[in-house]
Amino acid sequence: MKPLNASRREFCAHALTFVTVGSLLESCGGSPTSPSSGSSAALPVINTTVANGVITLNIEPSSPLATVGNAALVQTPSGSFLVARVTQESFNALTAVCTHEACTVAGFQSGVYQCPCHGSQYSTSGAVTRGPATRPLRQYSTQFANNVLTFSV
């Protein structure tokens, strides 16, 4: 039979382990700042290259960016970017790196981008519409002519 003090010590050690594991699990998900499941649709992905620091996208009728109000996640060797068609002749291009903890913003619904990690939301201009992020996404100047969109990174 074990001495009573050893049992209490073992109990306390196990209890501390369970509390620590529970805290770690909560920090990985299920916290009040994590997004709810299915809260925004995944952005369509466009893969392209960068030449001399310029990203070029041909906006064909089949492109996810062919319609005003749509957006896409543009992936390049230089990084990922959020691109939204805001009018027939203009687009907004932003970094896809969340300013909260550097996750890739990949959700979009009703004109709002959403980070999948902690639920930060941004407008198509990059402004924070819901935290925990406090800084806007970096915006890039775009040019659009003859169905070709370009922006420098």
N, C-alpha and C. Protein backbone atom coordinates (compact mmCIF):
# COMPACT_ATOMS: atom_id res chain seq x y z
N MET A 1 0.84 -1.17 0.00
CA MET A 1 0.00 0.00 0.00
C MET A 1 0.89 1.25 0.00
N LYS A 2 0.52 2.25 -0.82
CA LYS A 2 1.29 3.48 -0.94
C LYS A 2 0.95 4.40 0.21
N PRO A 3 1.93 5.17 0.66
CA PRO A 3 1.64 6.16 1.69
C PRO A 3 0.65 7.19 1.15
N LEU A 4 -0.16 7.73 2.03
CA LEU A 4 -1.20 8.68 1.66
C LEU A 4 -0.62 9.90 0.95
N ASN A 5 0.51 10.42 1.38
CA ASN A 5 1.13 11.60 0.76
C ASN A 5 1.51 11.33 -0.69
N ALA A 6 1.99 10.12 -1.00
CA ALA A 6 2.36 9.79 -2.37
C ALA A 6 1.12 9.79 -3.25
N SER A 7 0.01 9.30 -2.76
CA SER A 7 -1.22 9.28 -3.55
C SER A 7 -1.69 10.70 -3.85
N ARG A 8 -1.62 11.57 -2.86
CA ARG A 8 -2.02 12.97 -3.08
C ARG A 8 -1.10 13.62 -4.10
N ARG A 9 0.19 13.36 -3.98
CA ARG A 9 1.17 13.92 -4.91
C ARG A 9 0.88 13.43 -6.33
N GLU A 10 0.63 12.15 -6.49
CA GLU A 10 0.31 11.59 -7.81
C GLU A 10 -0.98 12.18 -8.35
N PHE A 11 -1.99 12.31 -7.47
CA PHE A 11 -3.26 12.90 -7.89
C PHE A 11 -3.05 14.32 -8.39
N CYS A 12 -2.31 15.11 -7.63
CA CYS A 12 -2.05 16.51 -8.02
C CYS A 12 -1.27 16.58 -9.33
N ALA A 13 -0.30 15.69 -9.50
CA ALA A 13 0.47 15.68 -10.75
C ALA A 13 -0.42 15.35 -11.93
N HIS A 14 -1.31 14.36 -11.77
CA HIS A 14 -2.23 13.98 -12.86
C HIS A 14 -3.23 15.10 -13.13
N ALA A 15 -3.74 15.71 -12.07
CA ALA A 15 -4.70 16.80 -12.24
C ALA A 15 -4.06 17.95 -12.99
N LEU A 16 -2.82 18.29 -12.64
CA LEU A 16 -2.11 19.36 -13.31
C LEU A 16 -1.90 19.03 -14.78
N THR A 17 -1.59 17.77 -15.07
CA THR A 17 -1.42 17.35 -16.46
C THR A 17 -2.71 17.53 -17.25
N PHE A 18 -3.85 17.13 -16.68
CA PHE A 18 -5.13 17.27 -17.37
C PHE A 18 -5.49 18.73 -17.61
N VAL A 19 -5.23 19.58 -16.63
CA VAL A 19 -5.50 21.02 -16.78
C VAL A 19 -4.63 21.60 -17.88
N THR A 20 -3.35 21.24 -17.90
CA THR A 20 -2.43 21.74 -18.92
C THR A 20 -2.85 21.29 -20.31
N VAL A 21 -3.17 20.02 -20.47
CA VAL A 21 -3.60 19.50 -21.77
C VAL A 21 -4.89 20.19 -22.19
N GLY A 22 -5.82 20.37 -21.28
CA GLY A 22 -7.07 21.05 -21.61
C GLY A 22 -6.83 22.47 -22.08
N SER A 23 -5.92 23.18 -21.42
CA SER A 23 -5.59 24.55 -21.83
C SER A 23 -4.97 24.57 -23.21
N LEU A 24 -4.07 23.62 -23.48
CA LEU A 24 -3.45 23.56 -24.80
C LEU A 24 -4.48 23.28 -25.88
N LEU A 25 -5.39 22.35 -25.63
CA LEU A 25 -6.40 22.04 -26.62
C LEU A 25 -7.30 23.22 -26.90
N GLU A 26 -7.67 23.96 -25.88
CA GLU A 26 -8.52 25.13 -26.09
C GLU A 26 -7.79 26.18 -26.90
N SER A 27 -6.47 26.34 -26.71
CA SER A 27 -5.74 27.34 -27.47
C SER A 27 -5.60 26.94 -28.93
N CYS A 28 -5.76 25.66 -29.24
CA CYS A 28 -5.68 25.21 -30.63
C CYS A 28 -7.00 25.35 -31.36
N GLY A 29 -8.06 25.51 -30.70
CA GLY A 29 -9.35 25.63 -31.36
C GLY A 29 -10.45 25.71 -30.34
N GLY A 30 -11.60 26.18 -30.78
CA GLY A 30 -12.73 26.26 -29.89
C GLY A 30 -12.72 27.47 -29.00
N SER A 31 -11.78 28.38 -29.20
CA SER A 31 -11.75 29.58 -28.38
C SER A 31 -12.79 30.57 -28.90
N PRO A 32 -13.14 31.57 -28.10
CA PRO A 32 -14.14 32.53 -28.54
C PRO A 32 -13.74 33.32 -29.77
N THR A 33 -12.44 33.40 -30.09
CA THR A 33 -12.02 34.15 -31.27
C THR A 33 -11.86 33.29 -32.50
N SER A 34 -12.00 31.96 -32.38
CA SER A 34 -11.86 31.13 -33.56
C SER A 34 -13.13 31.20 -34.39
N PRO A 35 -12.99 31.11 -35.73
CA PRO A 35 -14.16 31.23 -36.58
C PRO A 35 -15.07 30.03 -36.42
N SER A 36 -16.35 30.24 -36.67
CA SER A 36 -17.27 29.12 -36.63
C SER A 36 -17.14 28.32 -37.92
N SER A 37 -17.41 27.07 -37.84
CA SER A 37 -17.28 26.18 -38.98
C SER A 37 -18.23 26.61 -40.10
N GLY A 38 -17.69 26.67 -41.32
CA GLY A 38 -18.50 26.98 -42.48
C GLY A 38 -18.95 28.42 -42.56
N SER A 39 -18.23 29.34 -41.90
CA SER A 39 -18.67 30.73 -41.86
C SER A 39 -18.39 31.48 -43.16
N SER A 40 -17.49 31.01 -43.99
CA SER A 40 -17.26 31.65 -45.28
C SER A 40 -16.80 30.61 -46.28
N ALA A 41 -17.04 30.91 -47.55
CA ALA A 41 -16.67 29.99 -48.62
C ALA A 41 -15.19 30.15 -48.95
N ALA A 42 -14.56 29.05 -49.32
CA ALA A 42 -13.16 29.11 -49.74
C ALA A 42 -13.06 29.87 -51.05
N LEU A 43 -12.05 30.71 -51.14
CA LEU A 43 -11.82 31.47 -52.37
C LEU A 43 -11.35 30.56 -53.48
N PRO A 44 -11.77 30.83 -54.73
CA PRO A 44 -11.16 30.10 -55.85
C PRO A 44 -9.70 30.51 -55.94
N VAL A 45 -8.85 29.60 -56.38
CA VAL A 45 -7.41 29.84 -56.43
C VAL A 45 -6.97 30.02 -57.88
N ILE A 46 -6.16 31.05 -58.11
CA ILE A 46 -5.54 31.29 -59.41
C ILE A 46 -4.04 31.21 -59.19
N ASN A 47 -3.37 30.33 -59.91
CA ASN A 47 -1.92 30.22 -59.84
C ASN A 47 -1.31 30.97 -61.01
N THR A 48 -0.30 31.77 -60.72
CA THR A 48 0.36 32.53 -61.77
C THR A 48 1.81 32.77 -61.37
N THR A 49 2.54 33.42 -62.25
CA THR A 49 3.93 33.71 -62.00
C THR A 49 4.13 35.21 -61.81
N VAL A 50 5.36 35.56 -61.46
CA VAL A 50 5.75 36.96 -61.29
C VAL A 50 6.93 37.21 -62.22
N ALA A 51 6.85 38.29 -62.99
CA ALA A 51 7.97 38.66 -63.87
C ALA A 51 8.39 40.09 -63.53
N ASN A 52 9.64 40.26 -63.13
CA ASN A 52 10.17 41.57 -62.76
C ASN A 52 9.32 42.26 -61.69
N GLY A 53 8.82 41.49 -60.73
CA GLY A 53 8.03 42.04 -59.64
C GLY A 53 6.60 42.40 -60.01
N VAL A 54 6.14 41.98 -61.18
CA VAL A 54 4.78 42.29 -61.63
C VAL A 54 3.98 41.01 -61.80
N ILE A 55 2.79 41.00 -61.22
CA ILE A 55 1.86 39.89 -61.38
C ILE A 55 0.88 40.29 -62.49
N THR A 56 0.69 39.38 -63.43
CA THR A 56 -0.20 39.63 -64.57
C THR A 56 -1.28 38.55 -64.60
N LEU A 57 -2.54 38.99 -64.68
CA LEU A 57 -3.67 38.06 -64.76
C LEU A 57 -4.51 38.41 -65.97
N ASN A 58 -4.76 37.42 -66.82
CA ASN A 58 -5.70 37.60 -67.92
C ASN A 58 -7.09 37.31 -67.37
N ILE A 59 -7.97 38.28 -67.48
CA ILE A 59 -9.33 38.12 -66.95
C ILE A 59 -10.24 37.67 -68.09
N GLU A 60 -10.28 36.36 -68.27
CA GLU A 60 -11.13 35.74 -69.29
C GLU A 60 -12.56 35.64 -68.76
N PRO A 61 -13.54 35.42 -69.63
CA PRO A 61 -14.93 35.26 -69.16
C PRO A 61 -15.10 34.12 -68.16
N SER A 62 -14.24 33.10 -68.20
CA SER A 62 -14.34 31.98 -67.26
C SER A 62 -13.60 32.22 -65.95
N SER A 63 -12.89 33.34 -65.84
CA SER A 63 -12.13 33.64 -64.63
C SER A 63 -13.06 33.92 -63.46
N PRO A 64 -12.66 33.51 -62.25
CA PRO A 64 -13.47 33.87 -61.08
C PRO A 64 -13.54 35.39 -60.88
N LEU A 65 -12.65 36.13 -61.52
CA LEU A 65 -12.63 37.59 -61.40
C LEU A 65 -13.37 38.29 -62.54
N ALA A 66 -14.10 37.54 -63.35
CA ALA A 66 -14.82 38.13 -64.48
C ALA A 66 -16.04 38.93 -64.03
N THR A 67 -16.55 38.67 -62.84
CA THR A 67 -17.78 39.30 -62.37
C THR A 67 -17.50 40.25 -61.21
N VAL A 68 -18.10 41.43 -61.26
CA VAL A 68 -17.98 42.40 -60.17
C VAL A 68 -18.51 41.77 -58.88
N GLY A 69 -17.77 41.94 -57.80
CA GLY A 69 -18.16 41.38 -56.51
C GLY A 69 -17.48 40.07 -56.18
N ASN A 70 -16.83 39.46 -57.16
CA ASN A 70 -16.13 38.20 -56.92
C ASN A 70 -14.69 38.47 -56.50
N ALA A 71 -14.07 37.45 -55.91
CA ALA A 71 -12.69 37.55 -55.45
C ALA A 71 -11.99 36.21 -55.66
N ALA A 72 -10.67 36.23 -55.60
CA ALA A 72 -9.87 35.01 -55.76
C ALA A 72 -8.60 35.14 -54.93
N LEU A 73 -8.05 33.98 -54.59
CA LEU A 73 -6.74 33.89 -53.94
C LEU A 73 -5.73 33.64 -55.06
N VAL A 74 -4.84 34.59 -55.28
CA VAL A 74 -3.84 34.48 -56.33
C VAL A 74 -2.54 34.01 -55.69
N GLN A 75 -2.08 32.84 -56.13
CA GLN A 75 -0.86 32.26 -55.56
C GLN A 75 0.27 32.37 -56.57
N THR A 76 1.42 32.88 -56.09
CA THR A 76 2.60 33.06 -56.92
C THR A 76 3.82 32.59 -56.14
N PRO A 77 4.95 32.45 -56.81
CA PRO A 77 6.18 32.14 -56.06
C PRO A 77 6.57 33.25 -55.09
N SER A 78 6.06 34.46 -55.29
CA SER A 78 6.38 35.59 -54.40
C SER A 78 5.40 35.73 -53.24
N GLY A 79 4.39 34.86 -53.17
CA GLY A 79 3.43 34.93 -52.09
C GLY A 79 2.00 34.81 -52.59
N SER A 80 1.07 34.93 -51.66
CA SER A 80 -0.35 34.82 -51.97
C SER A 80 -1.01 36.19 -51.82
N PHE A 81 -1.98 36.45 -52.70
CA PHE A 81 -2.64 37.75 -52.74
C PHE A 81 -4.14 37.56 -52.88
N LEU A 82 -4.88 38.49 -52.31
CA LEU A 82 -6.34 38.51 -52.44
C LEU A 82 -6.67 39.55 -53.50
N VAL A 83 -7.46 39.15 -54.49
CA VAL A 83 -7.85 40.08 -55.55
C VAL A 83 -9.36 40.06 -55.65
N ALA A 84 -9.97 41.26 -55.62
CA ALA A 84 -11.42 41.40 -55.74
C ALA A 84 -11.73 42.35 -56.88
N ARG A 85 -12.76 42.01 -57.64
CA ARG A 85 -13.23 42.92 -58.68
C ARG A 85 -14.29 43.80 -58.04
N VAL A 86 -13.96 45.09 -57.87
CA VAL A 86 -14.85 45.99 -57.15
C VAL A 86 -15.77 46.78 -58.08
N THR A 87 -15.36 47.02 -59.32
CA THR A 87 -16.23 47.61 -60.36
C THR A 87 -15.86 46.93 -61.67
N GLN A 88 -16.55 47.29 -62.72
CA GLN A 88 -16.26 46.67 -64.02
C GLN A 88 -14.82 46.95 -64.46
N GLU A 89 -14.27 48.08 -64.06
CA GLU A 89 -12.93 48.47 -64.51
C GLU A 89 -11.88 48.53 -63.41
N SER A 90 -12.22 48.14 -62.16
CA SER A 90 -11.21 48.25 -61.10
C SER A 90 -11.20 47.02 -60.19
N PHE A 91 -10.00 46.78 -59.66
CA PHE A 91 -9.75 45.64 -58.78
C PHE A 91 -8.98 46.13 -57.57
N ASN A 92 -9.10 45.42 -56.46
CA ASN A 92 -8.27 45.64 -55.28
C ASN A 92 -7.40 44.41 -55.12
N ALA A 93 -6.12 44.63 -54.89
CA ALA A 93 -5.17 43.54 -54.64
C ALA A 93 -4.56 43.77 -53.26
N LEU A 94 -4.55 42.72 -52.44
CA LEU A 94 -4.08 42.79 -51.06
C LEU A 94 -3.17 41.61 -50.77
N THR A 95 -2.33 41.75 -49.77
CA THR A 95 -1.60 40.58 -49.29
C THR A 95 -2.63 39.62 -48.68
N ALA A 96 -2.39 38.33 -48.79
CA ALA A 96 -3.28 37.34 -48.19
C ALA A 96 -2.80 36.92 -46.81
N VAL A 97 -1.79 37.61 -46.28
CA VAL A 97 -1.22 37.27 -44.97
C VAL A 97 -1.95 38.07 -43.89
N CYS A 98 -2.67 37.36 -43.03
CA CYS A 98 -3.42 37.99 -41.95
C CYS A 98 -2.46 38.76 -41.04
N THR A 99 -2.86 39.96 -40.65
CA THR A 99 -2.01 40.79 -39.80
C THR A 99 -2.05 40.37 -38.34
N HIS A 100 -2.89 39.42 -37.99
CA HIS A 100 -2.97 38.95 -36.61
C HIS A 100 -1.85 37.97 -36.30
N GLU A 101 -1.82 36.83 -37.03
CA GLU A 101 -0.78 35.83 -36.77
C GLU A 101 -0.25 35.19 -38.05
N ALA A 102 -0.32 35.93 -39.15
CA ALA A 102 0.29 35.55 -40.42
C ALA A 102 -0.29 34.29 -41.08
N CYS A 103 -1.53 33.95 -40.78
CA CYS A 103 -2.20 32.86 -41.50
C CYS A 103 -2.59 33.37 -42.88
N THR A 104 -2.83 32.46 -43.82
CA THR A 104 -3.29 32.85 -45.14
C THR A 104 -4.79 33.03 -45.12
N VAL A 105 -5.23 34.23 -45.44
CA VAL A 105 -6.67 34.53 -45.53
C VAL A 105 -7.20 33.83 -46.76
N ALA A 106 -8.20 32.98 -46.61
CA ALA A 106 -8.65 32.18 -47.74
C ALA A 106 -10.17 32.07 -47.85
N GLY A 107 -10.91 32.74 -46.99
CA GLY A 107 -12.36 32.69 -47.04
C GLY A 107 -12.93 34.00 -47.55
N PHE A 108 -14.10 33.94 -48.18
CA PHE A 108 -14.74 35.15 -48.71
C PHE A 108 -16.24 34.92 -48.78
N GLN A 109 -16.98 35.88 -48.25
CA GLN A 109 -18.43 35.81 -48.33
C GLN A 109 -19.00 37.21 -48.17
N SER A 110 -19.95 37.56 -49.03
CA SER A 110 -20.64 38.85 -48.96
C SER A 110 -19.68 40.03 -48.90
N GLY A 111 -18.62 39.98 -49.71
CA GLY A 111 -17.68 41.09 -49.78
C GLY A 111 -16.72 41.20 -48.63
N VAL A 112 -16.58 40.13 -47.84
CA VAL A 112 -15.70 40.15 -46.67
C VAL A 112 -14.76 38.94 -46.73
N TYR A 113 -13.45 39.22 -46.56
CA TYR A 113 -12.45 38.16 -46.46
C TYR A 113 -12.40 37.69 -45.01
N GLN A 114 -12.16 36.38 -44.82
CA GLN A 114 -12.06 35.85 -43.46
C GLN A 114 -10.84 34.97 -43.32
N CYS A 115 -10.11 35.20 -42.22
CA CYS A 115 -8.96 34.38 -41.88
C CYS A 115 -9.46 33.10 -41.20
N PRO A 116 -8.99 31.93 -41.64
CA PRO A 116 -9.47 30.68 -41.04
C PRO A 116 -8.90 30.39 -39.65
N CYS A 117 -7.84 31.07 -39.25
CA CYS A 117 -7.19 30.74 -37.98
C CYS A 117 -7.93 31.29 -36.76
N HIS A 118 -8.24 32.57 -36.75
CA HIS A 118 -8.87 33.17 -35.58
C HIS A 118 -10.07 34.03 -35.92
N GLY A 119 -10.50 34.03 -37.18
CA GLY A 119 -11.74 34.71 -37.55
C GLY A 119 -11.64 36.18 -37.88
N SER A 120 -10.44 36.74 -37.99
CA SER A 120 -10.34 38.14 -38.39
C SER A 120 -11.00 38.32 -39.75
N GLN A 121 -11.65 39.46 -39.92
CA GLN A 121 -12.33 39.75 -41.18
C GLN A 121 -11.85 41.08 -41.73
N TYR A 122 -11.81 41.15 -43.07
CA TYR A 122 -11.33 42.33 -43.77
C TYR A 122 -12.26 42.66 -44.93
N SER A 123 -12.40 43.96 -45.21
CA SER A 123 -13.15 44.39 -46.39
C SER A 123 -12.28 44.16 -47.62
N THR A 124 -12.86 44.35 -48.80
CA THR A 124 -12.08 44.18 -50.03
C THR A 124 -11.04 45.29 -50.21
N SER A 125 -11.10 46.33 -49.38
CA SER A 125 -10.05 47.36 -49.40
C SER A 125 -8.93 47.03 -48.42
N GLY A 126 -9.11 45.97 -47.62
CA GLY A 126 -8.10 45.53 -46.66
C GLY A 126 -8.34 46.00 -45.25
N ALA A 127 -9.36 46.84 -45.02
CA ALA A 127 -9.64 47.34 -43.68
C ALA A 127 -10.16 46.22 -42.78
N VAL A 128 -9.76 46.24 -41.52
CA VAL A 128 -10.25 45.25 -40.55
C VAL A 128 -11.72 45.56 -40.26
N THR A 129 -12.57 44.56 -40.42
CA THR A 129 -13.98 44.73 -40.07
C THR A 129 -14.34 43.96 -38.81
N ARG A 130 -13.47 42.99 -38.43
CA ARG A 130 -13.65 42.25 -37.17
C ARG A 130 -12.30 41.67 -36.77
N GLY A 131 -11.94 41.84 -35.49
CA GLY A 131 -10.67 41.34 -34.97
C GLY A 131 -10.72 39.87 -34.68
N PRO A 132 -9.61 39.36 -34.21
CA PRO A 132 -8.62 40.02 -33.38
C PRO A 132 -7.57 40.86 -34.13
N ALA A 133 -7.46 40.79 -35.45
CA ALA A 133 -6.50 41.63 -36.16
C ALA A 133 -6.83 43.10 -35.90
N THR A 134 -5.78 43.92 -35.83
CA THR A 134 -5.98 45.35 -35.60
C THR A 134 -5.42 46.19 -36.75
N ARG A 135 -4.58 45.59 -37.61
CA ARG A 135 -3.99 46.32 -38.73
C ARG A 135 -4.58 45.85 -40.04
N PRO A 136 -4.75 46.75 -41.02
CA PRO A 136 -5.30 46.36 -42.31
C PRO A 136 -4.32 45.51 -43.11
N LEU A 137 -4.83 44.84 -44.13
CA LEU A 137 -3.99 44.10 -45.06
C LEU A 137 -3.29 45.09 -45.99
N ARG A 138 -2.08 44.77 -46.39
CA ARG A 138 -1.34 45.65 -47.31
C ARG A 138 -2.02 45.64 -48.67
N GLN A 139 -2.19 46.82 -49.24
CA GLN A 139 -2.86 46.97 -50.54
C GLN A 139 -1.83 47.31 -51.61
N TYR A 140 -2.05 46.80 -52.83
CA TYR A 140 -1.17 47.05 -53.97
C TYR A 140 -1.97 47.80 -55.04
N SER A 141 -1.30 48.70 -55.73
CA SER A 141 -1.94 49.43 -56.83
C SER A 141 -2.13 48.49 -58.01
N THR A 142 -3.28 48.57 -58.64
CA THR A 142 -3.59 47.71 -59.78
C THR A 142 -3.79 48.54 -61.05
N GLN A 143 -3.54 47.92 -62.18
CA GLN A 143 -3.85 48.51 -63.47
C GLN A 143 -4.65 47.47 -64.25
N PHE A 144 -5.66 47.94 -64.99
CA PHE A 144 -6.49 47.02 -65.76
C PHE A 144 -6.77 47.64 -67.12
N ALA A 145 -6.36 46.92 -68.17
CA ALA A 145 -6.61 47.35 -69.55
C ALA A 145 -6.63 46.13 -70.44
N ASN A 146 -7.54 46.13 -71.42
CA ASN A 146 -7.64 45.04 -72.39
C ASN A 146 -7.76 43.67 -71.72
N ASN A 147 -8.56 43.61 -70.65
CA ASN A 147 -8.79 42.37 -69.89
C ASN A 147 -7.54 41.79 -69.24
N VAL A 148 -6.54 42.64 -69.00
CA VAL A 148 -5.32 42.21 -68.33
C VAL A 148 -5.15 43.04 -67.07
N LEU A 149 -5.07 42.35 -65.93
CA LEU A 149 -4.86 42.99 -64.63
C LEU A 149 -3.40 42.82 -64.25
N THR A 150 -2.77 43.90 -63.81
CA THR A 150 -1.39 43.82 -63.34
C THR A 150 -1.27 44.55 -62.01
N PHE A 151 -0.36 44.07 -61.18
CA PHE A 151 0.02 44.80 -59.96
C PHE A 151 1.43 44.39 -59.58
N SER A 152 2.14 45.35 -59.00
CA SER A 152 3.54 45.14 -58.63
C SER A 152 3.63 44.74 -57.16
N VAL A 153 4.57 43.83 -56.89
CA VAL A 153 4.80 43.38 -55.51
C VAL A 153 6.21 43.65 -55.08
